[in-house]
Amino acid sequence: MPPNLRGLFEPPLAKFEKLHQQFRFLRQQQAIAFKLKEQWEEAQKKKEHQIKMILDMEAKVKAEEQRWEKRIQCKLEDYKKVKLQYQKLDAQEKRLIKLFEENGFAVDEEE
């Protein structure tokens, strides 16, 4: 190419090369951005999974607590029934002892 014509084409070629470099740089930046986005999304999924597992564990613990509360409540009710029966038997025993003593029978009190 003659030197006088080369001068006409070089500046546009330099501009084209510069634009091409900018385009490659932007492509690299875009690739990096996509990788970062994928990593961020993966981290979000992991966090969501951990939160879900924690919530599931909380639900299990709450269900277990309710089961134990119900069981304890049943045991307390059973205890109250037995205590009431004991009090009734104790009252009957005292009444019978009193009747035996009034009628002159000997009573051995073993307590």
PDB file of N, CA and C in Angstrom:
ATOM      1  N   MET A   1       0.855  -1.167   0.000  1.00  0.00           N
ATOM      2  CA  MET A   1       0.000   0.000   0.000  1.00  0.00           C
ATOM      3  C   MET A   1       0.901   1.228   0.000  1.00  0.00           C
ATOM      4  N   PRO A   2       0.553   2.165  -0.812  1.00  0.00           N
ATOM      5  CA  PRO A   2       1.383   3.374  -0.861  1.00  0.00           C
ATOM      6  C   PRO A   2       1.312   4.123   0.462  1.00  0.00           C
ATOM      7  N   PRO A   3       2.395   4.787   0.823  1.00  0.00           N
ATOM      8  CA  PRO A   3       2.437   5.489   2.110  1.00  0.00           C
ATOM      9  C   PRO A   3       1.358   6.558   2.235  1.00  0.00           C
ATOM     10  N   ASN A   4       0.998   7.230   1.162  1.00  0.00           N
ATOM     11  CA  ASN A   4      -0.006   8.279   1.303  1.00  0.00           C
ATOM     12  C   ASN A   4      -1.401   7.678   1.551  1.00  0.00           C
ATOM     13  N   LEU A   5      -1.688   6.483   1.045  1.00  0.00           N
ATOM     14  CA  LEU A   5      -2.984   5.840   1.297  1.00  0.00           C
ATOM     15  C   LEU A   5      -3.020   5.166   2.669  1.00  0.00           C
ATOM     16  N   ARG A   6      -1.866   4.690   3.109  1.00  0.00           N
ATOM     17  CA  ARG A   6      -1.805   4.052   4.423  1.00  0.00           C
ATOM     18  C   ARG A   6      -2.237   5.026   5.505  1.00  0.00           C
ATOM     19  N   GLY A   7      -1.877   6.262   5.373  1.00  0.00           N
ATOM     20  CA  GLY A   7      -2.254   7.282   6.344  1.00  0.00           C
ATOM     21  C   GLY A   7      -3.759   7.453   6.434  1.00  0.00           C
ATOM     22  N   LEU A   8      -4.445   7.240   5.355  1.00  0.00           N
ATOM     23  CA  LEU A   8      -5.904   7.356   5.373  1.00  0.00           C
ATOM     24  C   LEU A   8      -6.569   6.186   6.102  1.00  0.00           C
ATOM     25  N   PHE A   9      -5.980   4.996   6.025  1.00  0.00           N
ATOM     26  CA  PHE A   9      -6.619   3.813   6.612  1.00  0.00           C
ATOM     27  C   PHE A   9      -6.150   3.490   8.028  1.00  0.00           C
ATOM     28  N   GLU A  10      -5.006   3.961   8.427  1.00  0.00           N
ATOM     29  CA  GLU A  10      -4.497   3.607   9.745  1.00  0.00           C
ATOM     30  C   GLU A  10      -5.345   4.151  10.885  1.00  0.00           C
ATOM     31  N   PRO A  11      -5.716   5.405  10.884  1.00  0.00           N
ATOM     32  CA  PRO A  11      -6.523   5.846  12.020  1.00  0.00           C
ATOM     33  C   PRO A  11      -7.822   5.048  12.183  1.00  0.00           C
ATOM     34  N   PRO A  12      -8.570   4.747  11.106  1.00  0.00           N
ATOM     35  CA  PRO A  12      -9.758   3.923  11.317  1.00  0.00           C
ATOM     36  C   PRO A  12      -9.402   2.511  11.787  1.00  0.00           C
ATOM     37  N   LEU A  13      -8.290   1.954  11.300  1.00  0.00           N
ATOM     38  CA  LEU A  13      -7.892   0.628  11.776  1.00  0.00           C
ATOM     39  C   LEU A  13      -7.530   0.671  13.258  1.00  0.00           C
ATOM     40  N   ALA A  14      -6.849   1.728  13.682  1.00  0.00           N
ATOM     41  CA  ALA A  14      -6.499   1.873  15.094  1.00  0.00           C
ATOM     42  C   ALA A  14      -7.768   2.014  15.931  1.00  0.00           C
ATOM     43  N   LYS A  15      -8.706   2.785  15.408  1.00  0.00           N
ATOM     44  CA  LYS A  15      -9.977   2.933  16.130  1.00  0.00           C
ATOM     45  C   LYS A  15     -10.706   1.590  16.207  1.00  0.00           C
ATOM     46  N   PHE A  16     -10.669   0.856  15.074  1.00  0.00           N
ATOM     47  CA  PHE A  16     -11.315  -0.452  15.052  1.00  0.00           C
ATOM     48  C   PHE A  16     -10.650  -1.401  16.050  1.00  0.00           C
ATOM     49  N   GLU A  17      -9.323  -1.369  16.089  1.00  0.00           N
ATOM     50  CA  GLU A  17      -8.589  -2.218  17.031  1.00  0.00           C
ATOM     51  C   GLU A  17      -8.917  -1.826  18.471  1.00  0.00           C
ATOM     52  N   LYS A  18      -8.989  -0.532  18.726  1.00  0.00           N
ATOM     53  CA  LYS A  18      -9.322  -0.044  20.064  1.00  0.00           C
ATOM     54  C   LYS A  18     -10.733  -0.487  20.443  1.00  0.00           C
ATOM     55  N   LEU A  19     -11.676  -0.362  19.522  1.00  0.00           N
ATOM     56  CA  LEU A  19     -13.043  -0.817  19.779  1.00  0.00           C
ATOM     57  C   LEU A  19     -13.073  -2.326  20.010  1.00  0.00           C
ATOM     58  N   HIS A  20     -12.273  -3.045  19.240  1.00  0.00           N
ATOM     59  CA  HIS A  20     -12.207  -4.496  19.393  1.00  0.00           C
ATOM     60  C   HIS A  20     -11.652  -4.870  20.772  1.00  0.00           C
ATOM     61  N   GLN A  21     -10.636  -4.143  21.249  1.00  0.00           N
ATOM     62  CA  GLN A  21     -10.086  -4.380  22.579  1.00  0.00           C
ATOM     63  C   GLN A  21     -11.131  -4.077  23.655  1.00  0.00           C
ATOM     64  N   GLN A  22     -11.853  -2.967  23.483  1.00  0.00           N
ATOM     65  CA  GLN A  22     -12.902  -2.628  24.442  1.00  0.00           C
ATOM     66  C   GLN A  22     -13.983  -3.710  24.467  1.00  0.00           C
ATOM     67  N   PHE A  23     -14.336  -4.210  23.287  1.00  0.00           N
ATOM     68  CA  PHE A  23     -15.338  -5.259  23.191  1.00  0.00           C
ATOM     69  C   PHE A  23     -14.866  -6.525  23.918  1.00  0.00           C
ATOM     70  N   ARG A  24     -13.598  -6.920  23.719  1.00  0.00           N
ATOM     71  CA  ARG A  24     -13.053  -8.091  24.407  1.00  0.00           C
ATOM     72  C   ARG A  24     -13.046  -7.868  25.920  1.00  0.00           C
ATOM     73  N   PHE A  25     -12.657  -6.655  26.326  1.00  0.00           N
ATOM     74  CA  PHE A  25     -12.651  -6.332  27.750  1.00  0.00           C
ATOM     75  C   PHE A  25     -14.060  -6.434  28.333  1.00  0.00           C
ATOM     76  N   LEU A  26     -15.047  -5.878  27.602  1.00  0.00           N
ATOM     77  CA  LEU A  26     -16.428  -5.951  28.079  1.00  0.00           C
ATOM     78  C   LEU A  26     -16.926  -7.392  28.130  1.00  0.00           C
ATOM     79  N   ARG A  27     -16.519  -8.200  27.170  1.00  0.00           N
ATOM     80  CA  ARG A  27     -16.891  -9.625  27.174  1.00  0.00           C
ATOM     81  C   ARG A  27     -16.310 -10.316  28.410  1.00  0.00           C
ATOM     82  N   GLN A  28     -15.046 -10.010  28.719  1.00  0.00           N
ATOM     83  CA  GLN A  28     -14.416 -10.594  29.905  1.00  0.00           C
ATOM     84  C   GLN A  28     -15.152 -10.154  31.167  1.00  0.00           C
ATOM     85  N   GLN A  29     -15.478  -8.864  31.222  1.00  0.00           N
ATOM     86  CA  GLN A  29     -16.211  -8.343  32.375  1.00  0.00           C
ATOM     87  C   GLN A  29     -17.581  -9.012  32.492  1.00  0.00           C
ATOM     88  N   GLN A  30     -18.225  -9.220  31.353  1.00  0.00           N
ATOM     89  CA  GLN A  30     -19.527  -9.872  31.350  1.00  0.00           C
ATOM     90  C   GLN A  30     -19.399 -11.318  31.844  1.00  0.00           C
ATOM     91  N   ALA A  31     -18.374 -12.019  31.404  1.00  0.00           N
ATOM     92  CA  ALA A  31     -18.154 -13.396  31.852  1.00  0.00           C
ATOM     93  C   ALA A  31     -17.914 -13.434  33.360  1.00  0.00           C
ATOM     94  N   ILE A  32     -17.113 -12.498  33.845  1.00  0.00           N
ATOM     95  CA  ILE A  32     -16.857 -12.418  35.286  1.00  0.00           C
ATOM     96  C   ILE A  32     -18.153 -12.122  36.028  1.00  0.00           C
ATOM     97  N   ALA A  33     -18.945 -11.194  35.490  1.00  0.00           N
ATOM     98  CA  ALA A  33     -20.216 -10.840  36.126  1.00  0.00           C
ATOM     99  C   ALA A  33     -21.154 -12.045  36.171  1.00  0.00           C
ATOM    100  N   PHE A  34     -21.215 -12.821  35.103  1.00  0.00           N
ATOM    101  CA  PHE A  34     -22.067 -14.011  35.093  1.00  0.00           C
ATOM    102  C   PHE A  34     -21.596 -15.037  36.117  1.00  0.00           C
ATOM    103  N   LYS A  35     -20.284 -15.221  36.226  1.00  0.00           N
ATOM    104  CA  LYS A  35     -19.753 -16.155  37.219  1.00  0.00           C
ATOM    105  C   LYS A  35     -20.094 -15.698  38.631  1.00  0.00           C
ATOM    106  N   LEU A  36     -19.921 -14.401  38.877  1.00  0.00           N
ATOM    107  CA  LEU A  36     -20.254 -13.865  40.197  1.00  0.00           C
ATOM    108  C   LEU A  36     -21.739 -14.024  40.492  1.00  0.00           C
ATOM    109  N   LYS A  37     -22.559 -13.783  39.472  1.00  0.00           N
ATOM    110  CA  LYS A  37     -24.005 -13.936  39.647  1.00  0.00           C
ATOM    111  C   LYS A  37     -24.352 -15.383  39.984  1.00  0.00           C
ATOM    112  N   GLU A  38     -23.734 -16.335  39.277  1.00  0.00           N
ATOM    113  CA  GLU A  38     -23.979 -17.748  39.552  1.00  0.00           C
ATOM    114  C   GLU A  38     -23.536 -18.117  40.960  1.00  0.00           C
ATOM    115  N   GLN A  39     -22.374 -17.611  41.379  1.00  0.00           N
ATOM    116  CA  GLN A  39     -21.894 -17.887  42.729  1.00  0.00           C
ATOM    117  C   GLN A  39     -22.838 -17.295  43.766  1.00  0.00           C
ATOM    118  N   TRP A  40     -23.303 -16.082  43.509  1.00  0.00           N
ATOM    119  CA  TRP A  40     -24.221 -15.429  44.441  1.00  0.00           C
ATOM    120  C   TRP A  40     -25.533 -16.210  44.529  1.00  0.00           C
ATOM    121  N   GLU A  41     -26.064 -16.647  43.369  1.00  0.00           N
ATOM    122  CA  GLU A  41     -27.301 -17.422  43.369  1.00  0.00           C
ATOM    123  C   GLU A  41     -27.119 -18.745  44.107  1.00  0.00           C
ATOM    124  N   GLU A  42     -25.973 -19.380  43.926  1.00  0.00           N
ATOM    125  CA  GLU A  42     -25.694 -20.632  44.628  1.00  0.00           C
ATOM    126  C   GLU A  42     -25.627 -20.388  46.136  1.00  0.00           C
ATOM    127  N   ALA A  43     -24.996 -19.298  46.535  1.00  0.00           N
ATOM    128  CA  ALA A  43     -24.924 -18.954  47.958  1.00  0.00           C
ATOM    129  C   ALA A  43     -26.327 -18.696  48.507  1.00  0.00           C
ATOM    130  N   GLN A  44     -27.159 -18.018  47.728  1.00  0.00           N
ATOM    131  CA  GLN A  44     -28.539 -17.754  48.151  1.00  0.00           C
ATOM    132  C   GLN A  44     -29.302 -19.062  48.326  1.00  0.00           C
ATOM    133  N   LYS A  45     -29.122 -19.993  47.388  1.00  0.00           N
ATOM    134  CA  LYS A  45     -29.794 -21.289  47.491  1.00  0.00           C
ATOM    135  C   LYS A  45     -29.352 -22.025  48.749  1.00  0.00           C
ATOM    136  N   LYS A  46     -28.042 -21.972  49.042  1.00  0.00           N
ATOM    137  CA  LYS A  46     -27.534 -22.625  50.246  1.00  0.00           C
ATOM    138  C   LYS A  46     -28.139 -21.998  51.494  1.00  0.00           C
ATOM    139  N   LYS A  47     -28.208 -20.661  51.506  1.00  0.00           N
ATOM    140  CA  LYS A  47     -28.790 -19.972  52.658  1.00  0.00           C
ATOM    141  C   LYS A  47     -30.258 -20.341  52.816  1.00  0.00           C
ATOM    142  N   GLU A  48     -30.993 -20.357  51.704  1.00  0.00           N
ATOM    143  CA  GLU A  48     -32.407 -20.720  51.758  1.00  0.00           C
ATOM    144  C   GLU A  48     -32.573 -22.153  52.253  1.00  0.00           C
ATOM    145  N   HIS A  49     -31.697 -23.043  51.810  1.00  0.00           N
ATOM    146  CA  HIS A  49     -31.758 -24.432  52.257  1.00  0.00           C
ATOM    147  C   HIS A  49     -31.477 -24.526  53.762  1.00  0.00           C
ATOM    148  N   GLN A  50     -30.474 -23.768  54.227  1.00  0.00           N
ATOM    149  CA  GLN A  50     -30.163 -23.772  55.655  1.00  0.00           C
ATOM    150  C   GLN A  50     -31.338 -23.230  56.461  1.00  0.00           C
ATOM    151  N   ILE A  51     -31.952 -22.156  55.964  1.00  0.00           N
ATOM    152  CA  ILE A  51     -33.101 -21.580  56.661  1.00  0.00           C
ATOM    153  C   ILE A  51     -34.239 -22.590  56.710  1.00  0.00           C
ATOM    154  N   LYS A  52     -34.474 -23.279  55.592  1.00  0.00           N
ATOM    155  CA  LYS A  52     -35.533 -24.284  55.540  1.00  0.00           C
ATOM    156  C   LYS A  52     -35.250 -25.402  56.536  1.00  0.00           C
ATOM    157  N   MET A  53     -33.989 -25.833  56.603  1.00  0.00           N
ATOM    158  CA  MET A  53     -33.637 -26.896  57.541  1.00  0.00           C
ATOM    159  C   MET A  53     -33.834 -26.439  58.982  1.00  0.00           C
ATOM    160  N   ILE A  54     -33.478 -25.187  59.264  1.00  0.00           N
ATOM    161  CA  ILE A  54     -33.666 -24.650  60.613  1.00  0.00           C
ATOM    162  C   ILE A  54     -35.147 -24.593  60.952  1.00  0.00           C
ATOM    163  N   LEU A  55     -35.971 -24.129  60.005  1.00  0.00           N
ATOM    164  CA  LEU A  55     -37.410 -24.062  60.247  1.00  0.00           C
ATOM    165  C   LEU A  55     -38.006 -25.457  60.439  1.00  0.00           C
ATOM    166  N   ASP A  56     -37.535 -26.422  59.655  1.00  0.00           N
ATOM    167  CA  ASP A  56     -38.002 -27.798  59.827  1.00  0.00           C
ATOM    168  C   ASP A  56     -37.613 -28.331  61.202  1.00  0.00           C
ATOM    169  N   MET A  57     -36.387 -28.026  61.618  1.00  0.00           N
ATOM    170  CA  MET A  57     -35.929 -28.473  62.929  1.00  0.00           C
ATOM    171  C   MET A  57     -36.758 -27.814  64.031  1.00  0.00           C
ATOM    172  N   GLU A  58     -37.059 -26.526  63.873  1.00  0.00           N
ATOM    173  CA  GLU A  58     -37.910 -25.836  64.846  1.00  0.00           C
ATOM    174  C   GLU A  58     -39.272 -26.499  64.933  1.00  0.00           C
ATOM    175  N   ALA A  59     -39.840 -26.848  63.790  1.00  0.00           N
ATOM    176  CA  ALA A  59     -41.150 -27.500  63.775  1.00  0.00           C
ATOM    177  C   ALA A  59     -41.086 -28.849  64.486  1.00  0.00           C
ATOM    178  N   LYS A  60     -40.009 -29.608  64.252  1.00  0.00           N
ATOM    179  CA  LYS A  60     -39.853 -30.898  64.925  1.00  0.00           C
ATOM    180  C   LYS A  60     -39.731 -30.712  66.435  1.00  0.00           C
ATOM    181  N   VAL A  61     -38.932 -29.728  66.837  1.00  0.00           N
ATOM    182  CA  VAL A  61     -38.745 -29.467  68.266  1.00  0.00           C
ATOM    183  C   VAL A  61     -40.066 -29.045  68.899  1.00  0.00           C
ATOM    184  N   LYS A  62     -40.807 -28.188  68.209  1.00  0.00           N
ATOM    185  CA  LYS A  62     -42.094 -27.731  68.733  1.00  0.00           C
ATOM    186  C   LYS A  62     -43.065 -28.901  68.867  1.00  0.00           C
ATOM    187  N   ALA A  63     -43.094 -29.781  67.865  1.00  0.00           N
ATOM    188  CA  ALA A  63     -43.966 -30.954  67.932  1.00  0.00           C
ATOM    189  C   ALA A  63     -43.563 -31.857  69.097  1.00  0.00           C
ATOM    190  N   GLU A  64     -42.261 -32.023  69.291  1.00  0.00           N
ATOM    191  CA  GLU A  64     -41.772 -32.848  70.403  1.00  0.00           C
ATOM    192  C   GLU A  64     -42.142 -32.218  71.746  1.00  0.00           C
ATOM    193  N   GLU A  65     -42.017 -30.897  71.841  1.00  0.00           N
ATOM    194  CA  GLU A  65     -42.408 -30.198  73.072  1.00  0.00           C
ATOM    195  C   GLU A  65     -43.887 -30.403  73.356  1.00  0.00           C
ATOM    196  N   GLN A  66     -44.719 -30.269  72.330  1.00  0.00           N
ATOM    197  CA  GLN A  66     -46.157 -30.455  72.519  1.00  0.00           C
ATOM    198  C   GLN A  66     -46.466 -31.889  72.944  1.00  0.00           C
ATOM    199  N   ARG A  67     -45.756 -32.843  72.349  1.00  0.00           N
ATOM    200  CA  ARG A  67     -45.968 -34.243  72.722  1.00  0.00           C
ATOM    201  C   ARG A  67     -45.615 -34.464  74.192  1.00  0.00           C
ATOM    202  N   TRP A  68     -44.477 -33.892  74.618  1.00  0.00           N
ATOM    203  CA  TRP A  68     -44.073 -34.038  76.017  1.00  0.00           C
ATOM    204  C   TRP A  68     -45.031 -33.303  76.951  1.00  0.00           C
ATOM    205  N   GLU A  69     -45.490 -32.121  76.541  1.00  0.00           N
ATOM    206  CA  GLU A  69     -46.447 -31.392  77.380  1.00  0.00           C
ATOM    207  C   GLU A  69     -47.728 -32.195  77.557  1.00  0.00           C
ATOM    208  N   LYS A  70     -48.200 -32.793  76.462  1.00  0.00           N
ATOM    209  CA  LYS A  70     -49.414 -33.610  76.532  1.00  0.00           C
ATOM    210  C   LYS A  70     -49.190 -34.816  77.442  1.00  0.00           C
ATOM    211  N   ARG A  71     -48.018 -35.444  77.304  1.00  0.00           N
ATOM    212  CA  ARG A  71     -47.693 -36.611  78.124  1.00  0.00           C
ATOM    213  C   ARG A  71     -47.619 -36.234  79.604  1.00  0.00           C
ATOM    214  N   ILE A  72     -46.972 -35.109  79.886  1.00  0.00           N
ATOM    215  CA  ILE A  72     -46.865 -34.645  81.275  1.00  0.00           C
ATOM    216  C   ILE A  72     -48.236 -34.305  81.832  1.00  0.00           C
ATOM    217  N   GLN A  73     -49.072 -33.673  81.001  1.00  0.00           N
ATOM    218  CA  GLN A  73     -50.425 -33.325  81.433  1.00  0.00           C
ATOM    219  C   GLN A  73     -51.206 -34.593  81.792  1.00  0.00           C
ATOM    220  N   CYS A  74     -51.081 -35.630  80.978  1.00  0.00           N
ATOM    221  CA  CYS A  74     -51.755 -36.904  81.275  1.00  0.00           C
ATOM    222  C   CYS A  74     -51.241 -37.493  82.585  1.00  0.00           C
ATOM    223  N   LYS A  75     -49.933 -37.456  82.789  1.00  0.00           N
ATOM    224  CA  LYS A  75     -49.352 -37.984  84.032  1.00  0.00           C
ATOM    225  C   LYS A  75     -49.847 -37.194  85.244  1.00  0.00           C
ATOM    226  N   LEU A  76     -49.946 -35.864  85.095  1.00  0.00           N
ATOM    227  CA  LEU A  76     -50.455 -35.043  86.196  1.00  0.00           C
ATOM    228  C   LEU A  76     -51.910 -35.378  86.503  1.00  0.00           C
ATOM    229  N   GLU A  77     -52.707 -35.576  85.473  1.00  0.00           N
ATOM    230  CA  GLU A  77     -54.108 -35.948  85.686  1.00  0.00           C
ATOM    231  C   GLU A  77     -54.203 -37.306  86.375  1.00  0.00           C
ATOM    232  N   ASP A  78     -53.375 -38.259  85.944  1.00  0.00           N
ATOM    233  CA  ASP A  78     -53.350 -39.573  86.593  1.00  0.00           C
ATOM    234  C   ASP A  78     -52.946 -39.439  88.059  1.00  0.00           C
ATOM    235  N   TYR A  79     -51.945 -38.613  88.324  1.00  0.00           N
ATOM    236  CA  TYR A  79     -51.494 -38.394  89.699  1.00  0.00           C
ATOM    237  C   TYR A  79     -52.613 -37.792  90.547  1.00  0.00           C
ATOM    238  N   LYS A  80     -53.327 -36.822  89.993  1.00  0.00           N
ATOM    239  CA  LYS A  80     -54.428 -36.198  90.734  1.00  0.00           C
ATOM    240  C   LYS A  80     -55.526 -37.212  91.042  1.00  0.00           C
ATOM    241  N   LYS A  81     -55.814 -38.100  90.073  1.00  0.00           N
ATOM    242  CA  LYS A  81     -56.831 -39.132  90.299  1.00  0.00           C
ATOM    243  C   LYS A  81     -56.402 -40.079  91.410  1.00  0.00           C
ATOM    244  N   VAL A  82     -55.145 -40.523  91.369  1.00  0.00           N
ATOM    245  CA  VAL A  82     -54.630 -41.432  92.395  1.00  0.00           C
ATOM    246  C   VAL A  82     -54.625 -40.742  93.755  1.00  0.00           C
ATOM    247  N   LYS A  83     -54.243 -39.482  93.778  1.00  0.00           N
ATOM    248  CA  LYS A  83     -54.220 -38.729  95.038  1.00  0.00           C
ATOM    249  C   LYS A  83     -55.629 -38.610  95.606  1.00  0.00           C
ATOM    250  N   LEU A  84     -56.601 -38.335  94.752  1.00  0.00           N
ATOM    251  CA  LEU A  84     -57.994 -38.226  95.185  1.00  0.00           C
ATOM    252  C   LEU A  84     -58.493 -39.570  95.713  1.00  0.00           C
ATOM    253  N   GLN A  85     -58.145 -40.666  95.022  1.00  0.00           N
ATOM    254  CA  GLN A  85     -58.535 -41.998  95.491  1.00  0.00           C
ATOM    255  C   GLN A  85     -57.902 -42.298  96.849  1.00  0.00           C
ATOM    256  N   TYR A  86     -56.637 -41.928  97.005  1.00  0.00           N
ATOM    257  CA  TYR A  86     -55.954 -42.142  98.278  1.00  0.00           C
ATOM    258  C   TYR A  86     -56.638 -41.353  99.395  1.00  0.00           C
ATOM    259  N   GLN A  87     -56.990 -40.108  99.104  1.00  0.00           N
ATOM    260  CA  GLN A  87     -57.663 -39.290 100.115  1.00  0.00           C
ATOM    261  C   GLN A  87     -59.011 -39.898 100.499  1.00  0.00           C
ATOM    262  N   LYS A  88     -59.735 -40.421  99.500  1.00  0.00           N
ATOM    263  CA  LYS A  88     -61.026 -41.062  99.787  1.00  0.00           C
ATOM    264  C   LYS A  88     -60.828 -42.303 100.647  1.00  0.00           C
ATOM    265  N   LEU A  89     -59.824 -43.133 100.274  1.00  0.00           N
ATOM    266  CA  LEU A  89     -59.543 -44.334 101.063  1.00  0.00           C
ATOM    267  C   LEU A  89     -59.108 -43.980 102.478  1.00  0.00           C
ATOM    268  N   ASP A  90     -58.299 -42.950 102.624  1.00  0.00           N
ATOM    269  CA  ASP A  90     -57.843 -42.505 103.939  1.00  0.00           C
ATOM    270  C   ASP A  90     -59.029 -42.042 104.778  1.00  0.00           C
ATOM    271  N   ALA A  91     -59.939 -41.298 104.154  1.00  0.00           N
ATOM    272  CA  ALA A  91     -61.128 -40.829 104.871  1.00  0.00           C
ATOM    273  C   ALA A  91     -62.008 -42.010 105.269  1.00  0.00           C
ATOM    274  N   GLN A  92     -62.159 -42.999 104.374  1.00  0.00           N
ATOM    275  CA  GLN A  92     -62.955 -44.186 104.697  1.00  0.00           C
ATOM    276  C   GLN A  92     -62.316 -44.969 105.838  1.00  0.00           C
ATOM    277  N   GLU A  93     -60.982 -45.093 105.797  1.00  0.00           N
ATOM    278  CA  GLU A  93     -60.275 -45.810 106.854  1.00  0.00           C
ATOM    279  C   GLU A  93     -60.473 -45.126 108.197  1.00  0.00           C
ATOM    280  N   LYS A  94     -60.373 -43.815 108.241  1.00  0.00           N
ATOM    281  CA  LYS A  94     -60.561 -43.076 109.495  1.00  0.00           C
ATOM    282  C   LYS A  94     -61.996 -43.222 109.998  1.00  0.00           C
ATOM    283  N   ARG A  95     -62.951 -43.201 109.068  1.00  0.00           N
ATOM    284  CA  ARG A  95     -64.354 -43.344 109.456  1.00  0.00           C
ATOM    285  C   ARG A  95     -64.604 -44.747 110.020  1.00  0.00           C
ATOM    286  N   LEU A  96     -64.014 -45.782 109.363  1.00  0.00           N
ATOM    287  CA  LEU A  96     -64.175 -47.150 109.861  1.00  0.00           C
ATOM    288  C   LEU A  96     -63.515 -47.328 111.224  1.00  0.00           C
ATOM    289  N   ILE A  97     -62.326 -46.759 111.409  1.00  0.00           N
ATOM    290  CA  ILE A  97     -61.644 -46.841 112.705  1.00  0.00           C
ATOM    291  C   ILE A  97     -62.504 -46.202 113.779  1.00  0.00           C
ATOM    292  N   LYS A  98     -63.086 -45.070 113.462  1.00  0.00           N
ATOM    293  CA  LYS A  98     -63.943 -44.365 114.425  1.00  0.00           C
ATOM    294  C   LYS A  98     -65.166 -45.213 114.765  1.00  0.00           C
ATOM    295  N   LEU A  99     -65.777 -45.841 113.756  1.00  0.00           N
ATOM    296  CA  LEU A  99     -66.945 -46.699 114.005  1.00  0.00           C
ATOM    297  C   LEU A  99     -66.566 -47.906 114.854  1.00  0.00           C
ATOM    298  N   PHE A 100     -65.409 -48.536 114.546  1.00  0.00           N
ATOM    299  CA  PHE A 100     -64.974 -49.681 115.344  1.00  0.00           C
ATOM    300  C   PHE A 100     -64.734 -49.275 116.790  1.00  0.00           C
ATOM    301  N   GLU A 101     -64.114 -48.134 117.012  1.00  0.00           N
ATOM    302  CA  GLU A 101     -63.839 -47.673 118.371  1.00  0.00           C
ATOM    303  C   GLU A 101     -65.134 -47.361 119.107  1.00  0.00           C
ATOM    304  N   GLU A 102     -66.123 -46.806 118.404  1.00  0.00           N
ATOM    305  CA  GLU A 102     -67.411 -46.498 119.031  1.00  0.00           C
ATOM    306  C   GLU A 102     -68.151 -47.775 119.420  1.00  0.00           C
ATOM    307  N   ASN A 103     -67.964 -48.839 118.658  1.00  0.00           N
ATOM    308  CA  ASN A 103     -68.644 -50.105 118.937  1.00  0.00           C
ATOM    309  C   ASN A 103     -67.819 -51.014 119.848  1.00  0.00           C
ATOM    310  N   GLY A 104     -66.670 -50.573 120.286  1.00  0.00           N
ATOM    311  CA  GLY A 104     -65.879 -51.291 121.260  1.00  0.00           C
ATOM    312  C   GLY A 104     -64.930 -52.329 120.696  1.00  0.00           C
ATOM    313  N   PHE A 105     -64.646 -52.273 119.462  1.00  0.00           N
ATOM    314  CA  PHE A 105     -63.673 -53.198 118.881  1.00  0.00           C
ATOM    315  C   PHE A 105     -62.271 -52.604 119.002  1.00  0.00           C
ATOM    316  N   ALA A 106     -61.289 -53.477 119.185  1.00  0.00           N
ATOM    317  CA  ALA A 106     -59.904 -53.023 119.286  1.00  0.00           C
ATOM    318  C   ALA A 106     -59.356 -52.782 117.873  1.00  0.00           C
ATOM    319  N   VAL A 107     -58.672 -51.658 117.728  1.00  0.00           N
ATOM    320  CA  VAL A 107     -58.133 -51.286 116.419  1.00  0.00           C
ATOM    321  C   VAL A 107     -56.634 -51.089 116.551  1.00  0.00           C
ATOM    322  N   ASP A 108     -55.872 -51.786 115.704  1.00  0.00           N
ATOM    323  CA  ASP A 108     -54.422 -51.594 115.662  1.00  0.00           C
ATOM    324  C   ASP A 108     -54.118 -50.584 114.560  1.00  0.00           C
ATOM    325  N   GLU A 109     -53.597 -49.452 114.957  1.00  0.00           N
ATOM    326  CA  GLU A 109     -53.251 -48.429 113.957  1.00  0.00           C
ATOM    327  C   GLU A 109     -51.767 -48.538 113.642  1.00  0.00           C
ATOM    328  N   GLU A 110     -51.481 -48.997 112.473  1.00  0.00           N
ATOM    329  CA  GLU A 110     -50.093 -49.097 112.029  1.00  0.00           C
ATOM    330  C   GLU A 110     -49.880 -48.074 110.931  1.00  0.00           C
ATOM    331  N   GLU A 111     -49.142 -47.076 111.258  1.00  0.00           N
ATOM    332  CA  GLU A 111     -48.883 -46.018 110.277  1.00  0.00           C
ATOM    333  C   GLU A 111     -47.419 -45.816 110.095  1.00  0.00           C
TER     334      GLU A 111
END
